[in-house]
Amino acid sequence: MATRKSGPTTDPDITEALRQVVAHQIGPRRPGVIYENTDGAFRVLNVTTDASEARRILKRRAAQFAITVIDVLRPDAEPFAVGTVWTGSDRVLKAVA
């Protein structure tokens, strides 16, 4: 009878697969990119891919990433964090060189 180790498994293949899924969900959003969706237009200030930090920022137990943005259409806008995935309705307005 095999014994199970307690704690999370760190299988490199699973870790890499999860990294790829998260990268796909983030899409082209990198610091400096301006993008738009149905909610408005936003400049990316920071991308957090550390899951525990993303969970803290978003206050969501299942968050895998957090993106800090600012609304470029509002002059008085304050930065805020989002955890939404990149979809077909999102569009890059200005890429980073």
Protein backbone atom coordinates (compact mmCIF):
# COMPACT_ATOMS: atom_id res chain seq x y z
CA MET A 1 0.00 0.00 0.00
CA ALA A 2 1.46 3.36 -1.07
CA THR A 3 1.52 6.25 1.33
CA ARG A 4 0.40 9.70 0.28
CA LYS A 5 2.44 12.74 1.03
CA SER A 6 0.55 15.57 2.59
CA GLY A 7 0.71 19.00 1.01
CA PRO A 8 0.52 20.23 -2.56
CA THR A 9 1.99 18.25 -5.43
CA THR A 10 4.59 20.08 -7.47
CA ASP A 11 4.52 18.10 -10.69
CA PRO A 12 6.48 20.20 -13.23
CA ASP A 13 4.10 19.27 -16.06
CA ILE A 14 1.06 20.42 -14.08
CA THR A 15 2.85 23.60 -13.01
CA GLU A 16 3.76 24.40 -16.62
CA ALA A 17 0.22 23.65 -17.84
CA LEU A 18 -1.24 25.99 -15.22
CA ARG A 19 1.30 28.70 -16.15
CA GLN A 20 0.23 28.43 -19.80
CA VAL A 21 -3.47 28.64 -18.90
CA VAL A 22 -2.84 31.74 -16.78
CA ALA A 23 -0.76 33.34 -19.54
CA HIS A 24 -3.60 32.70 -22.01
CA GLN A 25 -6.13 34.22 -19.60
CA ILE A 26 -3.98 37.33 -19.12
CA GLY A 27 -3.57 37.66 -22.89
CA PRO A 28 -1.52 40.58 -24.24
CA ARG A 29 -2.01 42.68 -21.10
CA ARG A 30 1.46 43.80 -19.99
CA PRO A 31 2.50 46.98 -18.16
CA GLY A 32 2.01 49.92 -20.51
CA VAL A 33 -0.55 48.25 -22.80
CA ILE A 34 -3.81 50.11 -23.30
CA TYR A 35 -6.81 47.95 -24.05
CA GLU A 36 -10.55 48.30 -24.26
CA ASN A 37 -13.55 46.11 -23.58
CA THR A 38 -17.23 46.67 -22.88
CA ASP A 39 -16.34 48.29 -19.54
CA GLY A 40 -14.05 51.00 -20.99
CA ALA A 41 -10.40 51.61 -21.86
CA PHE A 42 -7.58 50.81 -19.46
CA ARG A 43 -3.81 51.13 -19.17
CA VAL A 44 -2.11 48.18 -17.50
CA LEU A 45 0.07 49.25 -14.59
CA ASN A 46 1.08 45.86 -13.20
CA VAL A 47 0.49 42.14 -13.72
CA THR A 48 0.72 39.85 -10.70
CA THR A 49 1.06 36.14 -11.46
CA ASP A 50 1.91 34.96 -7.95
CA ALA A 51 -1.35 33.23 -7.00
CA SER A 52 -1.17 33.98 -3.26
CA GLU A 53 -0.52 37.68 -3.95
CA ALA A 54 -3.31 37.77 -6.56
CA ARG A 55 -5.70 36.23 -4.01
CA ARG A 56 -4.73 38.88 -1.48
CA ILE A 57 -5.14 41.73 -3.98
CA LEU A 58 -8.48 40.55 -5.36
CA LYS A 59 -9.78 39.01 -2.11
CA ARG A 60 -10.78 35.88 -4.08
CA ARG A 61 -9.77 32.41 -2.95
CA ALA A 62 -9.33 31.03 -6.47
CA ALA A 63 -7.51 33.96 -8.14
CA GLN A 64 -4.45 32.95 -10.17
CA PHE A 65 -3.50 36.46 -11.36
CA ALA A 66 -4.35 40.12 -10.79
CA ILE A 67 -3.95 42.99 -13.21
CA THR A 68 -3.72 46.54 -11.89
CA VAL A 69 -5.21 49.02 -14.36
CA ILE A 70 -6.32 52.62 -14.57
CA ASP A 71 -9.25 53.91 -16.62
CA VAL A 72 -7.78 56.14 -19.34
CA LEU A 73 -11.13 57.76 -20.11
CA ARG A 74 -11.49 59.32 -16.64
CA PRO A 75 -9.00 62.02 -15.63
CA ASP A 76 -9.73 61.44 -11.93
CA ALA A 77 -9.42 57.64 -12.14
CA GLU A 78 -7.69 55.65 -9.42
CA PRO A 79 -5.84 52.39 -10.11
CA PHE A 80 -7.74 49.19 -9.34
CA ALA A 81 -7.20 45.47 -9.76
CA VAL A 82 -9.07 43.09 -12.04
CA GLY A 83 -8.97 39.34 -12.44
CA THR A 84 -10.96 39.04 -15.63
CA VAL A 85 -9.75 36.78 -18.41
CA TRP A 86 -8.89 38.10 -21.87
CA THR A 87 -11.75 37.42 -24.27
CA GLY A 88 -12.59 37.92 -27.92
CA SER A 89 -14.34 41.21 -27.08
CA ASP A 90 -11.14 42.71 -25.60
CA ARG A 91 -8.96 44.73 -27.96
CA VAL A 92 -5.46 46.20 -27.65
CA LEU A 93 -5.46 49.91 -28.49
CA LYS A 94 -1.77 50.54 -27.84
CA ALA A 95 0.88 47.87 -27.52
CA VAL A 96 4.17 48.24 -25.71
CA ALA A 97 7.22 48.53 -27.94
